[in-house]
């Protein structure tokens, strides 16, 4: 059983690592104290949990007899009553299902700070200058245990907006796709492909970006994809690497235009790790079944699309979580007043101790 009690979900959440023996029951339970948990929904690898395999019950998820197919990431999203109905990630767990010969425990109990980390590195670390790792370390390797999964989004469900949150003139039609669709993290999409149908606005005016990716921390800039002059198809497939995208200005600028700064891998992957919204310029004139945006992400399932060979697996320091050290574990908070543009995960207890010591000397 995996249990956590988060007092303030606005802080960066913790990702638990859990091993369950094959054939045993798994229970994930989120304790929310006295707060009202509204519209809770459980997701497995970014998709709604199938009730034929597991039973979701408010803040609890029970899987009676797990198999190898139940290994993966489990997320609980809910409205905590503080953000006007906006969904927030309350709980997340990476579950590994092991055979009896590999492990003699059917479940691990993890409460508050008593979290046991599961060692996931299956090969010797490699040091290289090409690691992103959120600027935390340069020790990484390719994750060898992940497969490619295609996530589709029906663009008829996108939110139409007559202007981007950029204060740009004149107003422009966009379709907004909230990042909650992908759990607010697209880091495993790096090196894969984004596919979508080209709107008329994008096809006939290529001086402006077709797609904009917004970082939830930096609203003064976005990452844009421009349709190449030679492209003559109404469908496009975009490589999710920095070479295919440009850095553009956004808020408080007179228009959306290319910035002088050069796009690099760190900027691109940092945006994927902290994705806020995705915008497509224009409108689709019909509700065509082919009006679908798809993106390849990593999963532990083999869905027949082959191995995912572009996802890094970083040797993160204490306090960091995620394949690219992109999240802070429980008990740590991200501070941006540092030499690392992605901030540092610092111990809340140590920061509080330093605060007390500082004031005791005054």
Protein backbone atom coordinates (compact mmCIF):
# COMPACT_ATOMS: atom_id res chain seq x y z
CA UNK A 1 0.00 0.00 0.00
CA UNK A 2 1.25 3.46 -0.83
CA UNK A 3 0.06 6.32 1.36
CA UNK A 4 0.92 9.98 1.34
CA UNK A 5 -0.39 13.02 3.20
CA UNK A 6 0.29 16.28 1.41
CA UNK A 7 -0.51 19.47 3.29
CA UNK A 8 0.02 21.82 0.37
CA UNK A 9 -0.45 20.40 -3.10
CA UNK A 10 0.62 23.68 -4.68
CA UNK A 11 4.18 22.62 -3.86
CA UNK A 12 5.85 20.26 -6.30
CA UNK A 13 4.55 16.77 -5.72
CA UNK A 14 6.53 13.67 -4.82
CA UNK A 15 6.77 10.66 -7.08
CA UNK A 16 6.70 7.43 -5.08
CA UNK A 17 8.49 4.31 -6.27
CA UNK A 18 6.68 1.08 -5.44
CA UNK A 19 7.33 -2.61 -6.05
CA UNK A 20 4.45 -5.10 -5.94
CA UNK A 21 4.74 -8.85 -6.35
CA UNK A 22 2.91 -10.30 -9.33
CA UNK A 23 -0.52 -11.70 -8.39
CA UNK A 24 -0.83 -9.65 -5.19
CA UNK A 25 -3.20 -6.79 -4.41
CA UNK A 26 -2.01 -3.21 -4.78
CA UNK A 27 -3.67 -0.31 -2.99
CA UNK A 28 -2.80 3.34 -3.63
CA UNK A 29 -4.30 5.74 -1.12
CA UNK A 30 -4.08 9.52 -1.01
CA UNK A 31 -4.84 11.04 2.38
CA UNK A 32 -6.12 14.57 1.99
CA UNK A 33 -6.84 15.44 5.64
CA UNK A 34 -9.66 17.91 6.16
CA UNK A 35 -9.53 19.32 2.64
CA UNK A 36 -12.33 18.67 0.17
CA UNK A 37 -11.17 16.54 -2.74
CA UNK A 38 -13.37 17.34 -5.73
CA UNK A 39 -13.76 15.29 -8.91
CA UNK A 40 -10.83 12.94 -8.26
CA UNK A 41 -9.69 10.94 -11.28
CA UNK A 42 -7.05 8.23 -11.46
CA UNK A 43 -4.82 7.90 -14.53
CA UNK A 44 -2.48 5.13 -15.62
CA UNK A 45 0.35 6.24 -17.95
CA UNK A 46 -1.67 9.32 -18.84
CA UNK A 47 -4.93 7.48 -19.56
CA UNK A 48 -8.02 6.95 -17.41
CA UNK A 49 -7.71 3.83 -15.28
CA UNK A 50 -9.68 0.89 -16.68
CA UNK A 51 -12.25 -0.24 -14.12
CA UNK A 52 -12.02 -3.76 -15.50
CA UNK A 53 -8.53 -4.05 -14.01
CA UNK A 54 -8.58 -1.71 -11.00
CA UNK A 55 -11.26 -0.14 -8.82
CA UNK A 56 -10.99 3.63 -8.24
CA UNK A 57 -12.86 4.91 -5.19
CA UNK A 58 -12.41 8.62 -4.54
CA UNK A 59 -8.79 8.97 -3.28
CA UNK A 60 -8.17 5.22 -3.32
CA UNK A 61 -7.24 2.83 -6.10
CA UNK A 62 -7.29 -0.96 -5.61
CA UNK A 63 -5.93 -3.47 -8.11
CA UNK A 64 -6.84 -6.98 -6.94
CA UNK A 65 -4.21 -9.12 -8.65
CA UNK A 66 -1.54 -7.20 -10.51
CA UNK A 67 0.24 -8.48 -13.59
CA UNK A 68 3.27 -7.22 -15.50
CA UNK A 69 0.89 -5.13 -17.60
CA UNK A 70 -0.01 -3.10 -14.50
CA UNK A 71 3.52 -1.69 -14.18
CA UNK A 72 3.76 2.02 -14.91
CA UNK A 73 2.86 5.45 -13.57
CA UNK A 74 -0.33 6.11 -11.59
CA UNK A 75 -1.54 9.69 -11.09
CA UNK A 76 -4.44 11.13 -9.10
CA UNK A 77 -5.82 14.43 -10.39
CA UNK A 78 -8.47 16.44 -8.55
CA UNK A 79 -9.78 19.92 -7.90
CA UNK A 80 -8.53 20.90 -4.44
CA UNK A 81 -11.09 23.70 -4.11
CA UNK A 82 -8.53 26.50 -4.26
CA UNK A 83 -8.11 27.12 -7.99
CA UNK A 84 -11.61 27.73 -9.27
CA UNK A 85 -12.05 24.23 -10.55
CA UNK A 86 -8.59 23.80 -12.06
CA UNK A 87 -7.34 20.23 -11.78
CA UNK A 88 -4.14 19.61 -9.83
CA UNK A 89 -1.87 16.59 -9.59
CA UNK A 90 -2.33 15.27 -6.05
CA UNK A 91 -0.39 12.03 -6.07
CA UNK A 92 1.93 10.07 -8.34
CA UNK A 93 3.52 6.63 -8.09
CA UNK A 94 5.81 4.62 -10.35
CA UNK A 95 4.88 0.96 -9.90
CA UNK A 96 7.09 -1.98 -10.78
CA UNK A 97 5.61 -5.49 -10.80
CA UNK A 98 8.14 -8.18 -9.87
CA UNK A 99 8.08 -11.96 -9.92
CA UNK A 100 8.22 -13.98 -6.73
CA UNK A 101 11.83 -14.93 -7.43
CA UNK A 102 12.85 -11.28 -7.72
CA UNK A 103 11.24 -9.94 -4.58
CA UNK A 104 9.60 -11.40 -1.49
CA UNK A 105 7.49 -8.37 -0.64
CA UNK A 106 3.97 -7.97 -1.96
CA UNK A 107 3.77 -4.31 -1.08
CA UNK A 108 5.68 -1.45 0.50
CA UNK A 109 4.18 0.94 3.00
CA UNK A 110 5.37 4.48 2.42
CA UNK A 111 4.11 7.27 4.65
CA UNK A 112 5.17 10.90 4.77
CA UNK A 113 8.99 11.07 4.61
CA UNK A 114 9.52 7.33 5.10
CA UNK A 115 9.93 6.65 1.39
CA UNK A 116 12.03 3.80 0.08
CA UNK A 117 13.53 4.50 -3.32
CA UNK A 118 13.54 1.73 -5.91
CA UNK A 119 16.83 1.40 -7.76
CA UNK A 120 16.01 1.60 -11.47
CA UNK A 121 19.45 1.89 -13.06
CA UNK A 122 20.15 -1.27 -14.98
CA UNK A 123 23.54 -0.33 -16.39
CA UNK A 124 26.66 1.63 -15.56
CA UNK A 125 26.29 5.39 -15.52
CA UNK A 126 27.76 7.36 -18.35
CA UNK A 127 29.04 10.90 -18.19
CA UNK A 128 28.40 13.22 -21.11
CA UNK A 129 27.93 16.86 -21.99
CA UNK A 130 24.70 16.07 -23.83
CA UNK A 131 22.70 15.31 -20.67
CA UNK A 132 19.84 17.68 -19.87
CA UNK A 133 19.01 16.38 -16.38
CA UNK A 134 17.51 19.78 -15.49
CA UNK A 135 21.03 21.11 -15.00
CA UNK A 136 21.46 18.98 -11.88
CA UNK A 137 24.03 16.47 -13.11
CA UNK A 138 25.88 15.41 -16.26
CA UNK A 139 25.56 11.72 -15.45
CA UNK A 140 22.90 10.08 -17.60
CA UNK A 141 22.23 7.16 -19.87
CA UNK A 142 19.56 6.16 -22.33
CA UNK A 143 16.56 4.53 -20.65
CA UNK A 144 16.50 1.02 -22.13
CA UNK A 145 13.22 -0.20 -20.61
CA UNK A 146 10.75 2.18 -22.27
CA UNK A 147 8.52 1.76 -25.31
CA UNK A 148 6.84 4.20 -27.66
CA UNK A 149 3.16 5.02 -27.03
CA UNK A 150 1.03 7.27 -29.21
CA UNK A 151 -1.22 9.72 -27.35
CA UNK A 152 -4.05 11.16 -29.43
CA UNK A 153 -6.06 14.30 -28.70
CA UNK A 154 -9.27 15.14 -30.59
CA UNK A 155 -8.85 18.75 -31.66
CA UNK A 156 -12.60 19.32 -31.52
CA UNK A 157 -12.06 19.30 -27.73
CA UNK A 158 -9.49 22.11 -27.90
CA UNK A 159 -10.44 25.47 -26.39
CA UNK A 160 -10.91 28.23 -29.02
CA UNK A 161 -9.38 31.59 -28.11
CA UNK A 162 -9.44 34.74 -30.19
CA UNK A 163 -6.13 35.89 -28.76
CA UNK A 164 -3.15 34.26 -27.15
CA UNK A 165 -2.22 35.40 -23.61
CA UNK A 166 0.40 37.64 -25.21
CA UNK A 167 -1.32 41.03 -25.49
CA UNK A 168 -0.61 40.78 -29.21
CA UNK A 169 -2.31 42.93 -31.84
CA UNK A 170 -4.30 42.22 -33.85
CA UNK A 171 -6.19 39.40 -32.15
CA UNK A 172 -5.55 35.99 -33.66
CA UNK A 173 -7.51 32.75 -33.57
CA UNK A 174 -5.86 29.91 -31.65
CA UNK A 175 -6.83 26.52 -30.31
CA UNK A 176 -5.61 25.86 -26.78
CA UNK A 177 -4.73 22.39 -25.50
CA UNK A 178 -4.16 22.38 -21.71
CA UNK A 179 -1.06 20.47 -20.65
CA UNK A 180 -3.16 18.55 -18.12
CA UNK A 181 -3.91 16.31 -21.11
CA UNK A 182 -0.35 14.99 -20.75
CA UNK A 183 0.01 15.45 -17.01
CA UNK A 184 1.93 18.71 -17.42
CA UNK A 185 5.08 16.89 -18.48
CA UNK A 186 6.22 16.07 -22.02
CA UNK A 187 9.85 15.33 -21.20
CA UNK A 188 9.69 11.80 -22.67
CA UNK A 189 8.49 13.22 -25.99
CA UNK A 190 11.99 14.52 -26.70
CA UNK A 191 13.28 13.01 -29.92
CA UNK A 192 9.89 11.64 -30.97
CA UNK A 193 7.20 13.26 -33.16
CA UNK A 194 4.22 15.60 -32.90
CA UNK A 195 1.58 15.23 -35.64
CA UNK A 196 -1.38 17.44 -36.46
CA UNK A 197 -3.46 18.70 -39.43
CA UNK A 198 -2.40 22.10 -40.76
CA UNK A 199 -4.99 24.88 -40.47
CA UNK A 200 -5.64 27.30 -43.32
CA UNK A 201 -4.17 30.14 -41.26
CA UNK A 202 -0.96 28.19 -40.77
CA UNK A 203 -0.75 26.93 -44.35
CA UNK A 204 -1.18 30.30 -46.08
CA UNK A 205 0.74 32.52 -43.61
CA UNK A 206 4.05 30.93 -42.69
CA UNK A 207 5.54 34.06 -41.16
CA UNK A 208 3.94 33.16 -37.82
CA UNK A 209 4.28 29.98 -35.78
CA UNK A 210 1.79 27.15 -36.32
CA UNK A 211 2.29 25.75 -32.83
CA UNK A 212 3.35 27.42 -29.59
CA UNK A 213 4.53 25.62 -26.46
CA UNK A 214 4.32 27.62 -23.24
CA UNK A 215 6.41 27.00 -20.14
CA UNK A 216 4.38 27.42 -16.95
CA UNK A 217 7.24 29.40 -15.38
CA UNK A 218 8.05 31.81 -18.22
CA UNK A 219 5.09 33.62 -19.78
CA UNK A 220 7.28 36.13 -21.60
CA UNK A 221 8.47 33.56 -24.11
CA UNK A 222 7.25 30.53 -25.98
CA UNK A 223 8.67 27.88 -28.27
CA UNK A 224 7.23 27.96 -31.77
CA UNK A 225 7.10 25.68 -34.79
CA UNK A 226 6.97 27.35 -38.22
CA UNK A 227 5.72 25.48 -41.27
CA UNK A 228 8.62 25.20 -43.75
CA UNK A 229 8.18 26.95 -47.14
CA UNK A 230 8.59 23.64 -48.96
CA UNK A 231 5.85 21.81 -47.05
CA UNK A 232 2.88 21.10 -49.35
CA UNK A 233 0.81 18.63 -47.29
CA UNK A 234 -2.15 19.33 -44.98
CA UNK A 235 -0.71 17.02 -42.34
CA UNK A 236 2.63 17.68 -40.67
CA UNK A 237 4.99 15.63 -38.54
CA UNK A 238 7.32 17.66 -36.32
CA UNK A 239 10.49 16.30 -34.75
CA UNK A 240 10.48 17.08 -31.02
CA UNK A 241 14.04 18.39 -30.93
CA UNK A 242 15.37 21.91 -30.58
CA UNK A 243 16.49 21.95 -34.23
CA UNK A 244 12.83 22.01 -35.38
CA UNK A 245 11.65 24.82 -33.09
CA UNK A 246 12.36 28.51 -32.47
CA UNK A 247 12.25 30.73 -29.42
CA UNK A 248 9.62 33.46 -29.80
CA UNK A 249 8.56 36.45 -27.74
CA UNK A 250 5.19 36.41 -26.08
CA UNK A 251 3.68 38.49 -23.30
CA UNK A 252 4.23 42.25 -23.22
CA UNK A 253 5.51 42.24 -26.78
CA UNK A 254 3.72 44.04 -29.66
CA UNK A 255 3.55 40.82 -31.64
CA UNK A 256 4.72 37.22 -31.64
CA UNK A 257 8.08 37.25 -33.35
CA UNK A 258 11.29 35.33 -33.31
CA UNK A 259 13.64 36.27 -30.48
CA UNK A 260 17.30 36.99 -30.99
CA UNK A 261 18.21 34.26 -28.50
CA UNK A 262 19.09 30.95 -30.07
CA UNK A 263 17.11 27.85 -29.18
CA UNK A 264 19.14 25.16 -27.43
CA UNK A 265 18.53 21.73 -25.98
CA UNK A 266 18.30 22.93 -22.39
CA UNK A 267 15.59 25.50 -23.18
CA UNK A 268 13.60 23.02 -25.22
CA UNK A 269 13.70 20.13 -22.75
CA UNK A 270 13.08 22.47 -19.82
CA UNK A 271 9.89 23.66 -21.53
CA UNK A 272 8.77 20.08 -22.17
CA UNK A 273 9.32 19.23 -18.51
CA UNK A 274 7.23 22.21 -17.34
CA UNK A 275 4.72 22.49 -20.16
CA UNK A 276 1.78 24.81 -19.49
CA UNK A 277 -0.29 25.01 -22.66
CA UNK A 278 -0.04 24.08 -26.33
CA UNK A 279 -1.57 26.44 -28.92
CA UNK A 280 -2.36 25.80 -32.59
CA UNK A 281 -2.89 28.89 -34.74
CA UNK A 282 -6.17 29.02 -36.63
CA UNK A 283 -9.39 27.03 -36.67
CA UNK A 284 -10.53 23.74 -38.18
CA UNK A 285 -13.54 24.34 -40.40
CA UNK A 286 -15.07 20.90 -39.87
CA UNK A 287 -15.20 18.24 -37.19
CA UNK A 288 -13.26 15.80 -39.31
CA UNK A 289 -12.32 12.52 -37.66
CA UNK A 290 -8.75 13.16 -38.82
CA UNK A 291 -8.51 16.42 -36.84
CA UNK A 292 -6.34 14.77 -34.24
CA UNK A 293 -3.11 15.85 -32.61
CA UNK A 294 -0.85 12.97 -31.66
CA UNK A 295 2.44 12.82 -29.83
CA UNK A 296 4.74 9.93 -28.97
CA UNK A 297 5.56 9.48 -25.29
CA UNK A 298 7.39 6.78 -23.37
CA UNK A 299 5.67 3.92 -21.57
CA UNK A 300 6.69 0.66 -19.93
CA UNK A 301 4.16 -1.16 -22.16
CA UNK A 302 5.12 -2.65 -25.51
CA UNK A 303 2.30 -1.46 -27.78
CA UNK A 304 4.04 -2.58 -30.95
CA UNK A 305 5.56 0.80 -31.87
CA UNK A 306 9.09 -0.15 -30.86
CA UNK A 307 11.55 0.96 -28.22
CA UNK A 308 11.85 4.58 -27.12
CA UNK A 309 15.55 5.27 -27.55
CA UNK A 310 15.67 9.03 -26.96
CA UNK A 311 14.72 9.26 -23.27
CA UNK A 312 17.50 10.05 -20.83
CA UNK A 313 17.74 8.42 -17.40
CA UNK A 314 19.67 10.70 -15.05
CA UNK A 315 21.58 9.93 -11.88
CA UNK A 316 19.68 12.54 -9.86
CA UNK A 317 20.84 13.87 -6.51
CA UNK A 318 18.84 13.58 -3.31
CA UNK A 319 15.65 15.62 -3.42
CA UNK A 320 15.11 15.25 -7.18
CA UNK A 321 12.69 12.95 -9.00
CA UNK A 322 11.76 12.10 -12.57
CA UNK A 323 13.87 10.64 -15.36
CA UNK A 324 15.44 14.06 -15.98
CA UNK A 325 15.43 15.30 -12.35
CA UNK A 326 12.57 17.59 -13.40
CA UNK A 327 10.55 17.37 -10.17
CA UNK A 328 11.31 17.91 -6.49
CA UNK A 329 10.55 15.11 -4.08
CA UNK A 330 8.43 15.60 -0.98
CA UNK A 331 10.17 17.67 1.66
CA UNK A 332 11.98 19.74 -0.97
CA UNK A 333 11.02 22.96 -2.72
CA UNK A 334 12.37 24.48 -5.92
CA UNK A 335 14.25 27.74 -5.51
CA UNK A 336 15.07 29.79 -8.60
CA UNK A 337 17.52 32.26 -7.06
CA UNK A 338 20.45 30.08 -8.07
CA UNK A 339 23.02 29.57 -10.81
CA UNK A 340 20.79 26.89 -12.37
CA UNK A 341 18.08 28.45 -14.59
CA UNK A 342 15.88 25.46 -13.77
CA UNK A 343 16.24 26.11 -10.05
CA UNK A 344 17.42 23.82 -7.28
CA UNK A 345 15.45 21.41 -5.08
CA UNK A 346 16.32 22.44 -1.53
CA UNK A 347 15.33 20.77 1.72
CA UNK A 348 12.44 22.62 3.37
CA UNK A 349 13.66 21.49 6.80
CA UNK A 350 17.16 22.85 6.18
CA UNK A 351 15.82 26.13 4.80
CA UNK A 352 13.63 26.53 7.88
CA UNK A 353 16.59 25.78 10.16
CA UNK A 354 18.70 28.42 8.40
CA UNK A 355 15.82 30.88 8.71
CA UNK A 356 15.58 30.27 12.48
CA UNK A 357 19.34 30.56 12.95
CA UNK A 358 19.45 33.80 10.96
CA UNK A 359 16.77 35.46 13.07
CA UNK A 360 18.26 34.18 16.33
CA UNK A 361 21.47 36.09 15.55
CA UNK A 362 19.66 39.37 14.99
